[in-house]
Amino acid sequence: LAALLGNGLIITAIACDHRLHTPMYFFLLNLSLLDLGTISIIVPKSMANSLRDTRAISYFGCVFQLFFFVFFILAEYSLLTVMAYDRFVAICKPLHYGTIMGSRACVKMAAAAWASGFLNAVLHTAKTFSVPLCKGNVVEQFFCEVPQILRLSCSDSYLRVVWAVLISACLGFGCFIFIVLSYVQILTAVLRIPSEQGRHKAFSMCLPHLAVVSLFISTVMFACLKPPSLSSPALDLVLAVLYAVVPPAVNPLIYSMRNKELKDA
C-alpha cells in the first residue's frame, strides 16, 4: 500500500504539474512506473495465497510472473544508469544540459532502458523454462524467481542458462562501472563549487538517486553473489523482500524528502 500510494502520488504530481516536465522528473516518473510494476507482479499473488492458505501457482502463472519481474527489475537498473548520466550532465556540463538532454534524447534513453529489460526478460524466461525440472515443483520463495527455479533443474541441463546469466552479468557490471565513474566525476565537480549553497544544491540533487542505487545494487548483488554455505530459505526470503518489495516502497520517500519542487507539487 505504501508503494502504491507513494509512486501513484509521484506519477500524478509529475504528470499534472508543468513545472516538473523536465528530464529529471521524466525519468523519475518512469522509475515510479517500474516500481509499481515490480511490486504489483509479485505481492498480490502472495497476499492471495496467504489469505486462501495455499502456496499454489499455475505453470503459466509462474512463467508470467518471472518474465515481468525480470523485465521490471532489469529495466529499473538500466533506468538508474540513465538517471546517473542525467545527474552527471546537469552538474558537470550545466551549459550543455539543454542540448544534450533534449526531449527526444530523454525519450530514446528511457525507451532503451525499457527495451533492455524486455529483451533480458525474454532471454531469461525462455532459458529458465527450457530446462527440465526433475527435482519436484516446490519453489522455496514467495514468488517465481530464476535462482529458485534453476535449483529444481537437472544438473546437466543447468549449463544451458549459464551464458544467458553471463550476458546479463556483463551488462549489469558495465552499468555499475558507469554509475560509479559518473558519481566520481560528479563528486569532483561538486567539491570545486566555491559557494556552500551551490554545493548543498548539487548534493540535494544527487543524494536521493545515490541512496536508491545503493539500496538496489547492494541487496541484488548480495542475493546473487552470496556463497552457497550461507543460503537458506529464511535468508533467501529476507533478501528477496529487500530487493523486490522494499525499494518500491522506499524510493518515493527518498525522492520526496529532500525535493522541494516535488513536495510543492
C-alpha atoms as a PDB file:
ATOM      1  CA  LEU A   1       0.000   0.000   0.000  1.00  0.00           C
ATOM      2  CA  ALA A   2       2.891   2.362   0.779  1.00  0.00           C
ATOM      3  CA  ALA A   3       4.445   1.604  -2.621  1.00  0.00           C
ATOM      4  CA  LEU A   4       1.162   2.108  -4.489  1.00  0.00           C
ATOM      5  CA  LEU A   5       0.371   5.364  -2.694  1.00  0.00           C
ATOM      6  CA  GLY A   6       3.894   6.839  -2.873  1.00  0.00           C
ATOM      7  CA  ASN A   7       4.553   6.000  -6.511  1.00  0.00           C
ATOM      8  CA  GLY A   8       0.990   6.918  -7.504  1.00  0.00           C
ATOM      9  CA  LEU A   9       1.380  10.369  -5.931  1.00  0.00           C
ATOM     10  CA  ILE A  10       4.722  10.939  -7.689  1.00  0.00           C
ATOM     11  CA  ILE A  11       3.290   9.918 -11.078  1.00  0.00           C
ATOM     12  CA  THR A  12       0.244  12.158 -10.567  1.00  0.00           C
ATOM     13  CA  ALA A  13       2.302  15.154  -9.392  1.00  0.00           C
ATOM     14  CA  ILE A  14       4.767  14.929 -12.298  1.00  0.00           C
ATOM     15  CA  ALA A  15       2.038  14.381 -14.898  1.00  0.00           C
ATOM     16  CA  CYS A  16      -0.166  17.244 -13.670  1.00  0.00           C
ATOM     17  CA  ASP A  17       2.416  19.929 -12.760  1.00  0.00           C
ATOM     18  CA  HIS A  18       4.003  21.547 -15.829  1.00  0.00           C
ATOM     19  CA  ARG A  19       6.914  22.804 -13.675  1.00  0.00           C
ATOM     20  CA  LEU A  20       8.027  19.177 -13.298  1.00  0.00           C
ATOM     21  CA  HIS A  21       8.140  18.475 -17.033  1.00  0.00           C
ATOM     22  CA  THR A  22      11.954  18.255 -17.043  1.00  0.00           C
ATOM     23  CA  PRO A  23      14.336  15.354 -17.825  1.00  0.00           C
ATOM     24  CA  MET A  24      14.988  14.541 -14.151  1.00  0.00           C
ATOM     25  CA  TYR A  25      11.284  14.211 -13.334  1.00  0.00           C
ATOM     26  CA  PHE A  26      10.552  12.418 -16.603  1.00  0.00           C
ATOM     27  CA  PHE A  27      12.990   9.682 -15.556  1.00  0.00           C
ATOM     28  CA  LEU A  28      11.567   9.697 -12.026  1.00  0.00           C
ATOM     29  CA  LEU A  29       8.087   9.121 -13.470  1.00  0.00           C
ATOM     30  CA  ASN A  30       9.429   6.121 -15.400  1.00  0.00           C
ATOM     31  CA  LEU A  31      11.102   4.825 -12.229  1.00  0.00           C
ATOM     32  CA  SER A  32       7.801   5.061 -10.340  1.00  0.00           C
ATOM     33  CA  LEU A  33       6.017   3.150 -13.117  1.00  0.00           C
ATOM     34  CA  LEU A  34       8.643   0.382 -12.919  1.00  0.00           C
ATOM     35  CA  ASP A  35       8.372   0.275  -9.119  1.00  0.00           C
ATOM     36  CA  LEU A  36       4.594  -0.107  -9.385  1.00  0.00           C
ATOM     37  CA  GLY A  37       5.070  -2.938 -11.883  1.00  0.00           C
ATOM     38  CA  THR A  38       7.664  -4.731  -9.741  1.00  0.00           C
ATOM     39  CA  ILE A  39       5.545  -4.836  -6.611  1.00  0.00           C
ATOM     40  CA  SER A  40       2.245  -5.462  -8.433  1.00  0.00           C
ATOM     41  CA  ILE A  41       3.524  -8.562 -10.197  1.00  0.00           C
ATOM     42  CA  ILE A  42       4.560 -10.459  -7.035  1.00  0.00           C
ATOM     43  CA  VAL A  43       2.834  -9.132  -3.896  1.00  0.00           C
ATOM     44  CA  PRO A  44      -0.893  -9.508  -4.831  1.00  0.00           C
ATOM     45  CA  LYS A  45      -0.452 -13.210  -5.687  1.00  0.00           C
ATOM     46  CA  SER A  46       1.476 -13.769  -2.451  1.00  0.00           C
ATOM     47  CA  MET A  47      -1.272 -11.991  -0.475  1.00  0.00           C
ATOM     48  CA  ALA A  48      -3.996 -14.037  -2.201  1.00  0.00           C
ATOM     49  CA  ASN A  49      -2.175 -17.283  -1.396  1.00  0.00           C
ATOM     50  CA  SER A  50      -1.784 -16.199   2.216  1.00  0.00           C
ATOM     51  CA  LEU A  51      -5.493 -15.370   2.568  1.00  0.00           C
ATOM     52  CA  ARG A  52      -6.520 -18.687   0.970  1.00  0.00           C
ATOM     53  CA  ASP A  53      -3.899 -20.621   2.974  1.00  0.00           C
ATOM     54  CA  THR A  54      -2.309 -22.103  -0.140  1.00  0.00           C
ATOM     55  CA  ARG A  55       1.092 -21.963  -1.870  1.00  0.00           C
ATOM     56  CA  ALA A  56      -0.078 -22.839  -5.374  1.00  0.00           C
ATOM     57  CA  ILE A  57       0.619 -21.071  -8.663  1.00  0.00           C
ATOM     58  CA  SER A  58      -0.022 -22.411 -12.152  1.00  0.00           C
ATOM     59  CA  TYR A  59       2.856 -23.175 -14.518  1.00  0.00           C
ATOM     60  CA  PHE A  60       1.892 -20.359 -16.901  1.00  0.00           C
ATOM     61  CA  GLY A  61       1.274 -18.072 -13.933  1.00  0.00           C
ATOM     62  CA  CYS A  62       4.841 -18.761 -12.829  1.00  0.00           C
ATOM     63  CA  VAL A  63       6.182 -18.052 -16.342  1.00  0.00           C
ATOM     64  CA  PHE A  64       4.181 -14.802 -16.482  1.00  0.00           C
ATOM     65  CA  GLN A  65       5.375 -13.730 -13.027  1.00  0.00           C
ATOM     66  CA  LEU A  66       9.047 -14.490 -13.688  1.00  0.00           C
ATOM     67  CA  PHE A  67       9.016 -12.723 -17.066  1.00  0.00           C
ATOM     68  CA  PHE A  68       7.518  -9.483 -15.771  1.00  0.00           C
ATOM     69  CA  PHE A  69       9.564  -9.484 -12.570  1.00  0.00           C
ATOM     70  CA  VAL A  70      12.842  -9.790 -14.525  1.00  0.00           C
ATOM     71  CA  PHE A  71      11.560  -7.197 -17.009  1.00  0.00           C
ATOM     72  CA  PHE A  72      10.759  -4.578 -14.353  1.00  0.00           C
ATOM     73  CA  ILE A  73      13.866  -5.211 -12.228  1.00  0.00           C
ATOM     74  CA  LEU A  74      16.373  -5.055 -15.106  1.00  0.00           C
ATOM     75  CA  ALA A  75      14.608  -2.108 -16.759  1.00  0.00           C
ATOM     76  CA  GLU A  76      14.814  -0.268 -13.418  1.00  0.00           C
ATOM     77  CA  TYR A  77      18.553  -0.967 -13.185  1.00  0.00           C
ATOM     78  CA  SER A  78      19.056   0.379 -16.717  1.00  0.00           C
ATOM     79  CA  LEU A  79      16.955   3.436 -15.882  1.00  0.00           C
ATOM     80  CA  LEU A  80      19.030   4.132 -12.750  1.00  0.00           C
ATOM     81  CA  THR A  81      22.089   4.140 -15.026  1.00  0.00           C
ATOM     82  CA  VAL A  82      20.397   6.668 -17.333  1.00  0.00           C
ATOM     83  CA  MET A  83      19.490   8.798 -14.295  1.00  0.00           C
ATOM     84  CA  ALA A  84      23.137   8.789 -13.200  1.00  0.00           C
ATOM     85  CA  TYR A  85      24.077  10.132 -16.643  1.00  0.00           C
ATOM     86  CA  ASP A  86      21.390  12.821 -16.304  1.00  0.00           C
ATOM     87  CA  ARG A  87      22.850  13.946 -12.955  1.00  0.00           C
ATOM     88  CA  PHE A  88      26.372  13.886 -14.451  1.00  0.00           C
ATOM     89  CA  VAL A  89      25.375  16.178 -17.349  1.00  0.00           C
ATOM     90  CA  ALA A  90      23.405  18.506 -15.038  1.00  0.00           C
ATOM     91  CA  ILE A  91      26.348  19.061 -12.682  1.00  0.00           C
ATOM     92  CA  CYS A  92      29.456  18.569 -14.837  1.00  0.00           C
ATOM     93  CA  LYS A  93      28.140  20.127 -18.093  1.00  0.00           C
ATOM     94  CA  PRO A  94      25.380  22.520 -16.988  1.00  0.00           C
ATOM     95  CA  LEU A  95      25.705  24.856 -20.000  1.00  0.00           C
ATOM     96  CA  HIS A  96      25.165  21.945 -22.410  1.00  0.00           C
ATOM     97  CA  TYR A  97      22.369  20.293 -20.374  1.00  0.00           C
ATOM     98  CA  GLY A  98      19.501  21.614 -22.505  1.00  0.00           C
ATOM     99  CA  THR A  99      21.206  20.454 -25.707  1.00  0.00           C
ATOM    100  CA  ILE A 100      22.321  17.002 -24.521  1.00  0.00           C
ATOM    101  CA  MET A 101      19.178  16.142 -22.543  1.00  0.00           C
ATOM    102  CA  GLY A 102      16.567  17.264 -25.067  1.00  0.00           C
ATOM    103  CA  SER A 103      13.103  15.730 -25.028  1.00  0.00           C
ATOM    104  CA  ARG A 104      13.891  13.375 -27.928  1.00  0.00           C
ATOM    105  CA  ALA A 105      17.111  12.171 -26.282  1.00  0.00           C
ATOM    106  CA  CYS A 106      15.304  11.566 -22.979  1.00  0.00           C
ATOM    107  CA  VAL A 107      12.564   9.517 -24.667  1.00  0.00           C
ATOM    108  CA  LYS A 108      15.188   7.443 -26.511  1.00  0.00           C
ATOM    109  CA  MET A 109      17.143   6.754 -23.292  1.00  0.00           C
ATOM    110  CA  ALA A 110      14.002   5.779 -21.360  1.00  0.00           C
ATOM    111  CA  ALA A 111      12.879   3.555 -24.253  1.00  0.00           C
ATOM    112  CA  ALA A 112      16.308   1.898 -24.319  1.00  0.00           C
ATOM    113  CA  ALA A 113      16.014   1.135 -20.583  1.00  0.00           C
ATOM    114  CA  TRP A 114      12.574  -0.454 -21.024  1.00  0.00           C
ATOM    115  CA  ALA A 115      13.740  -2.360 -24.139  1.00  0.00           C
ATOM    116  CA  SER A 116      16.826  -3.761 -22.374  1.00  0.00           C
ATOM    117  CA  GLY A 117      14.613  -5.059 -19.564  1.00  0.00           C
ATOM    118  CA  PHE A 118      12.214  -6.649 -22.067  1.00  0.00           C
ATOM    119  CA  LEU A 119      14.964  -8.388 -24.078  1.00  0.00           C
ATOM    120  CA  ASN A 120      16.673  -9.693 -20.946  1.00  0.00           C
ATOM    121  CA  ALA A 121      13.320 -10.927 -19.613  1.00  0.00           C
ATOM    122  CA  VAL A 122      12.634 -12.829 -22.857  1.00  0.00           C
ATOM    123  CA  LEU A 123      16.114 -14.369 -22.731  1.00  0.00           C
ATOM    124  CA  HIS A 124      15.976 -15.414 -19.064  1.00  0.00           C
ATOM    125  CA  THR A 125      12.404 -16.699 -19.175  1.00  0.00           C
ATOM    126  CA  ALA A 126      12.993 -18.761 -22.316  1.00  0.00           C
ATOM    127  CA  LYS A 127      16.208 -20.281 -20.983  1.00  0.00           C
ATOM    128  CA  THR A 128      14.922 -20.894 -17.447  1.00  0.00           C
ATOM    129  CA  PHE A 129      11.821 -22.790 -18.577  1.00  0.00           C
ATOM    130  CA  SER A 130      13.635 -24.680 -21.348  1.00  0.00           C
ATOM    131  CA  VAL A 131      15.477 -26.840 -18.806  1.00  0.00           C
ATOM    132  CA  PRO A 132      13.758 -29.974 -17.443  1.00  0.00           C
ATOM    133  CA  LEU A 133      12.734 -29.611 -13.806  1.00  0.00           C
ATOM    134  CA  CYS A 134      13.494 -33.009 -12.297  1.00  0.00           C
ATOM    135  CA  LYS A 135      13.665 -32.110  -8.578  1.00  0.00           C
ATOM    136  CA  GLY A 136       9.994 -31.535  -7.844  1.00  0.00           C
ATOM    137  CA  ASN A 137       7.816 -28.477  -8.237  1.00  0.00           C
ATOM    138  CA  VAL A 138       8.222 -26.677  -4.896  1.00  0.00           C
ATOM    139  CA  VAL A 139       9.778 -23.212  -5.222  1.00  0.00           C
ATOM    140  CA  GLU A 140      11.239 -22.097  -1.880  1.00  0.00           C
ATOM    141  CA  GLN A 141      10.189 -18.460  -2.315  1.00  0.00           C
ATOM    142  CA  PHE A 142       7.021 -16.337  -2.206  1.00  0.00           C
ATOM    143  CA  PHE A 143       7.248 -15.724  -5.973  1.00  0.00           C
ATOM    144  CA  CYS A 144       8.787 -17.408  -9.024  1.00  0.00           C
ATOM    145  CA  GLU A 145      12.459 -16.423  -9.045  1.00  0.00           C
ATOM    146  CA  VAL A 146      15.123 -17.590 -11.522  1.00  0.00           C
ATOM    147  CA  PRO A 147      17.668 -18.992  -8.976  1.00  0.00           C
ATOM    148  CA  GLN A 148      14.959 -20.910  -7.088  1.00  0.00           C
ATOM    149  CA  ILE A 149      13.566 -22.481 -10.268  1.00  0.00           C
ATOM    150  CA  LEU A 150      17.033 -23.448 -11.502  1.00  0.00           C
ATOM    151  CA  ARG A 151      17.571 -25.350  -8.245  1.00  0.00           C
ATOM    152  CA  LEU A 152      14.827 -27.715  -9.418  1.00  0.00           C
ATOM    153  CA  SER A 153      16.576 -28.421 -12.743  1.00  0.00           C
ATOM    154  CA  CYS A 154      18.734 -31.412 -13.586  1.00  0.00           C
ATOM    155  CA  SER A 155      22.436 -30.753 -13.028  1.00  0.00           C
ATOM    156  CA  ASP A 156      23.434 -31.404 -16.662  1.00  0.00           C
ATOM    157  CA  SER A 157      20.793 -29.013 -18.064  1.00  0.00           C
ATOM    158  CA  TYR A 158      21.766 -26.157 -15.738  1.00  0.00           C
ATOM    159  CA  LEU A 159      24.587 -25.143 -18.105  1.00  0.00           C
ATOM    160  CA  ARG A 160      22.073 -24.108 -20.787  1.00  0.00           C
ATOM    161  CA  VAL A 161      21.266 -20.893 -18.921  1.00  0.00           C
ATOM    162  CA  VAL A 162      24.825 -20.013 -17.869  1.00  0.00           C
ATOM    163  CA  TRP A 163      25.570 -17.951 -20.992  1.00  0.00           C
ATOM    164  CA  ALA A 164      22.304 -16.003 -20.560  1.00  0.00           C
ATOM    165  CA  VAL A 165      23.274 -15.222 -16.974  1.00  0.00           C
ATOM    166  CA  LEU A 166      26.776 -14.185 -18.109  1.00  0.00           C
ATOM    167  CA  ILE A 167      25.347 -11.747 -20.688  1.00  0.00           C
ATOM    168  CA  SER A 168      23.177 -10.083 -18.052  1.00  0.00           C
ATOM    169  CA  ALA A 169      26.062 -10.084 -15.567  1.00  0.00           C
ATOM    170  CA  CYS A 170      28.349  -8.328 -18.071  1.00  0.00           C
ATOM    171  CA  LEU A 171      25.682  -5.722 -18.876  1.00  0.00           C
ATOM    172  CA  GLY A 172      24.987  -5.230 -15.179  1.00  0.00           C
ATOM    173  CA  PHE A 173      28.682  -4.836 -14.376  1.00  0.00           C
ATOM    174  CA  GLY A 174      29.056  -2.314 -17.210  1.00  0.00           C
ATOM    175  CA  CYS A 175      26.134  -0.267 -15.819  1.00  0.00           C
ATOM    176  CA  PHE A 176      27.636  -0.451 -12.328  1.00  0.00           C
ATOM    177  CA  ILE A 177      31.031   0.843 -13.547  1.00  0.00           C
ATOM    178  CA  PHE A 178      29.286   3.632 -15.484  1.00  0.00           C
ATOM    179  CA  ILE A 179      27.344   4.715 -12.372  1.00  0.00           C
ATOM    180  CA  VAL A 180      30.491   4.676 -10.207  1.00  0.00           C
ATOM    181  CA  LEU A 181      32.534   6.696 -12.733  1.00  0.00           C
ATOM    182  CA  SER A 182      29.667   9.183 -13.144  1.00  0.00           C
ATOM    183  CA  TYR A 183      29.499   9.802  -9.413  1.00  0.00           C
ATOM    184  CA  VAL A 184      33.271  10.100  -9.074  1.00  0.00           C
ATOM    185  CA  GLN A 185      33.187  12.913 -11.641  1.00  0.00           C
ATOM    186  CA  ILE A 186      30.087  14.449 -10.013  1.00  0.00           C
ATOM    187  CA  LEU A 187      31.761  14.462  -6.590  1.00  0.00           C
ATOM    188  CA  THR A 188      34.904  16.034  -8.050  1.00  0.00           C
ATOM    189  CA  ALA A 189      32.837  18.752  -9.749  1.00  0.00           C
ATOM    190  CA  VAL A 190      30.752  19.448  -6.617  1.00  0.00           C
ATOM    191  CA  LEU A 191      33.833  19.864  -4.426  1.00  0.00           C
ATOM    192  CA  ARG A 192      35.107  22.525  -6.854  1.00  0.00           C
ATOM    193  CA  ILE A 193      31.947  24.650  -6.419  1.00  0.00           C
ATOM    194  CA  PRO A 194      33.051  27.717  -4.405  1.00  0.00           C
ATOM    195  CA  SER A 195      29.759  28.545  -2.649  1.00  0.00           C
ATOM    196  CA  GLU A 196      28.353  26.375   0.132  1.00  0.00           C
ATOM    197  CA  GLN A 197      24.814  26.936  -1.183  1.00  0.00           C
ATOM    198  CA  GLY A 198      25.841  25.646  -4.618  1.00  0.00           C
ATOM    199  CA  ARG A 199      27.400  22.529  -3.103  1.00  0.00           C
ATOM    200  CA  HIS A 200      24.292  21.914  -0.993  1.00  0.00           C
ATOM    201  CA  LYS A 201      22.014  22.214  -4.042  1.00  0.00           C
ATOM    202  CA  ALA A 202      24.194  19.828  -6.065  1.00  0.00           C
ATOM    203  CA  PHE A 203      24.265  17.257  -3.256  1.00  0.00           C
ATOM    204  CA  SER A 204      20.489  17.510  -2.770  1.00  0.00           C
ATOM    205  CA  MET A 205      20.068  16.654  -6.472  1.00  0.00           C
ATOM    206  CA  CYS A 206      22.317  13.586  -6.308  1.00  0.00           C
ATOM    207  CA  LEU A 207      21.907  12.081  -2.832  1.00  0.00           C
ATOM    208  CA  PRO A 208      18.377  10.654  -3.371  1.00  0.00           C
ATOM    209  CA  HIS A 209      19.446   8.906  -6.585  1.00  0.00           C
ATOM    210  CA  LEU A 210      22.644   7.634  -4.957  1.00  0.00           C
ATOM    211  CA  ALA A 211      20.653   6.263  -1.990  1.00  0.00           C
ATOM    212  CA  VAL A 212      18.216   4.436  -4.289  1.00  0.00           C
ATOM    213  CA  VAL A 213      21.060   2.991  -6.400  1.00  0.00           C
ATOM    214  CA  SER A 214      22.974   1.839  -3.293  1.00  0.00           C
ATOM    215  CA  LEU A 215      19.921   0.119  -1.791  1.00  0.00           C
ATOM    216  CA  PHE A 216      19.024  -1.594  -5.064  1.00  0.00           C
ATOM    217  CA  ILE A 217      22.509  -2.736  -6.094  1.00  0.00           C
ATOM    218  CA  SER A 218      23.722  -3.839  -2.641  1.00  0.00           C
ATOM    219  CA  THR A 219      20.739  -6.142  -1.994  1.00  0.00           C
ATOM    220  CA  VAL A 220      20.721  -7.636  -5.515  1.00  0.00           C
ATOM    221  CA  MET A 221      24.496  -8.221  -5.510  1.00  0.00           C
ATOM    222  CA  PHE A 222      24.427  -9.887  -2.094  1.00  0.00           C
ATOM    223  CA  ALA A 223      21.499 -12.088  -3.141  1.00  0.00           C
ATOM    224  CA  CYS A 224      23.318 -13.170  -6.333  1.00  0.00           C
ATOM    225  CA  LEU A 225      26.901 -13.452  -5.035  1.00  0.00           C
ATOM    226  CA  LYS A 226      26.407 -14.918  -1.551  1.00  0.00           C
ATOM    227  CA  PRO A 227      28.212 -18.283  -1.059  1.00  0.00           C
ATOM    228  CA  PRO A 228      26.065 -21.448  -1.112  1.00  0.00           C
ATOM    229  CA  SER A 229      27.008 -22.114   2.531  1.00  0.00           C
ATOM    230  CA  LEU A 230      25.008 -19.012   3.547  1.00  0.00           C
ATOM    231  CA  SER A 231      21.947 -19.996   1.537  1.00  0.00           C
ATOM    232  CA  SER A 232      18.804 -20.880   3.471  1.00  0.00           C
ATOM    233  CA  PRO A 233      15.065 -20.458   2.772  1.00  0.00           C
ATOM    234  CA  ALA A 234      14.753 -17.825   5.514  1.00  0.00           C
ATOM    235  CA  LEU A 235      17.726 -15.755   4.261  1.00  0.00           C
ATOM    236  CA  ASP A 236      16.591 -16.040   0.628  1.00  0.00           C
ATOM    237  CA  LEU A 237      13.161 -14.799   1.668  1.00  0.00           C
ATOM    238  CA  VAL A 238      14.570 -11.781   3.526  1.00  0.00           C
ATOM    239  CA  LEU A 239      16.870 -10.857   0.624  1.00  0.00           C
ATOM    240  CA  ALA A 240      14.015 -11.157  -1.880  1.00  0.00           C
ATOM    241  CA  VAL A 241      11.909  -8.787   0.226  1.00  0.00           C
ATOM    242  CA  LEU A 242      14.849  -6.360   0.465  1.00  0.00           C
ATOM    243  CA  TYR A 243      15.372  -6.046  -3.300  1.00  0.00           C
ATOM    244  CA  ALA A 244      11.852  -6.722  -4.621  1.00  0.00           C
ATOM    245  CA  VAL A 245       9.474  -5.168  -2.078  1.00  0.00           C
ATOM    246  CA  VAL A 246      11.389  -2.580  -0.006  1.00  0.00           C
ATOM    247  CA  PRO A 247      12.785  -0.355  -2.839  1.00  0.00           C
ATOM    248  CA  PRO A 248       9.378   0.320  -4.492  1.00  0.00           C
ATOM    249  CA  ALA A 249       8.014   1.386  -1.103  1.00  0.00           C
ATOM    250  CA  VAL A 250      11.056   3.424  -0.022  1.00  0.00           C
ATOM    251  CA  ASN A 251      12.006   5.108  -3.324  1.00  0.00           C
ATOM    252  CA  PRO A 252       9.136   7.656  -3.264  1.00  0.00           C
ATOM    253  CA  LEU A 253      10.055   8.609   0.306  1.00  0.00           C
ATOM    254  CA  ILE A 254      13.751   9.054  -0.563  1.00  0.00           C
ATOM    255  CA  TYR A 255      12.987  11.206  -3.605  1.00  0.00           C
ATOM    256  CA  SER A 256      10.380  13.394  -1.905  1.00  0.00           C
ATOM    257  CA  MET A 257      12.125  14.066   1.426  1.00  0.00           C
ATOM    258  CA  ARG A 258      14.853  16.349   0.025  1.00  0.00           C
ATOM    259  CA  ASN A 259      12.968  17.627  -3.024  1.00  0.00           C
ATOM    260  CA  LYS A 260      11.185  20.945  -2.511  1.00  0.00           C
ATOM    261  CA  GLU A 261       9.730  21.088  -6.038  1.00  0.00           C
ATOM    262  CA  LEU A 262       8.148  17.655  -5.688  1.00  0.00           C
ATOM    263  CA  LYS A 263       6.768  18.433  -2.228  1.00  0.00           C
ATOM    264  CA  ASP A 264       5.277  21.705  -3.503  1.00  0.00           C
ATOM    265  CA  ALA A 265       3.655  19.898  -6.439  1.00  0.00           C
END
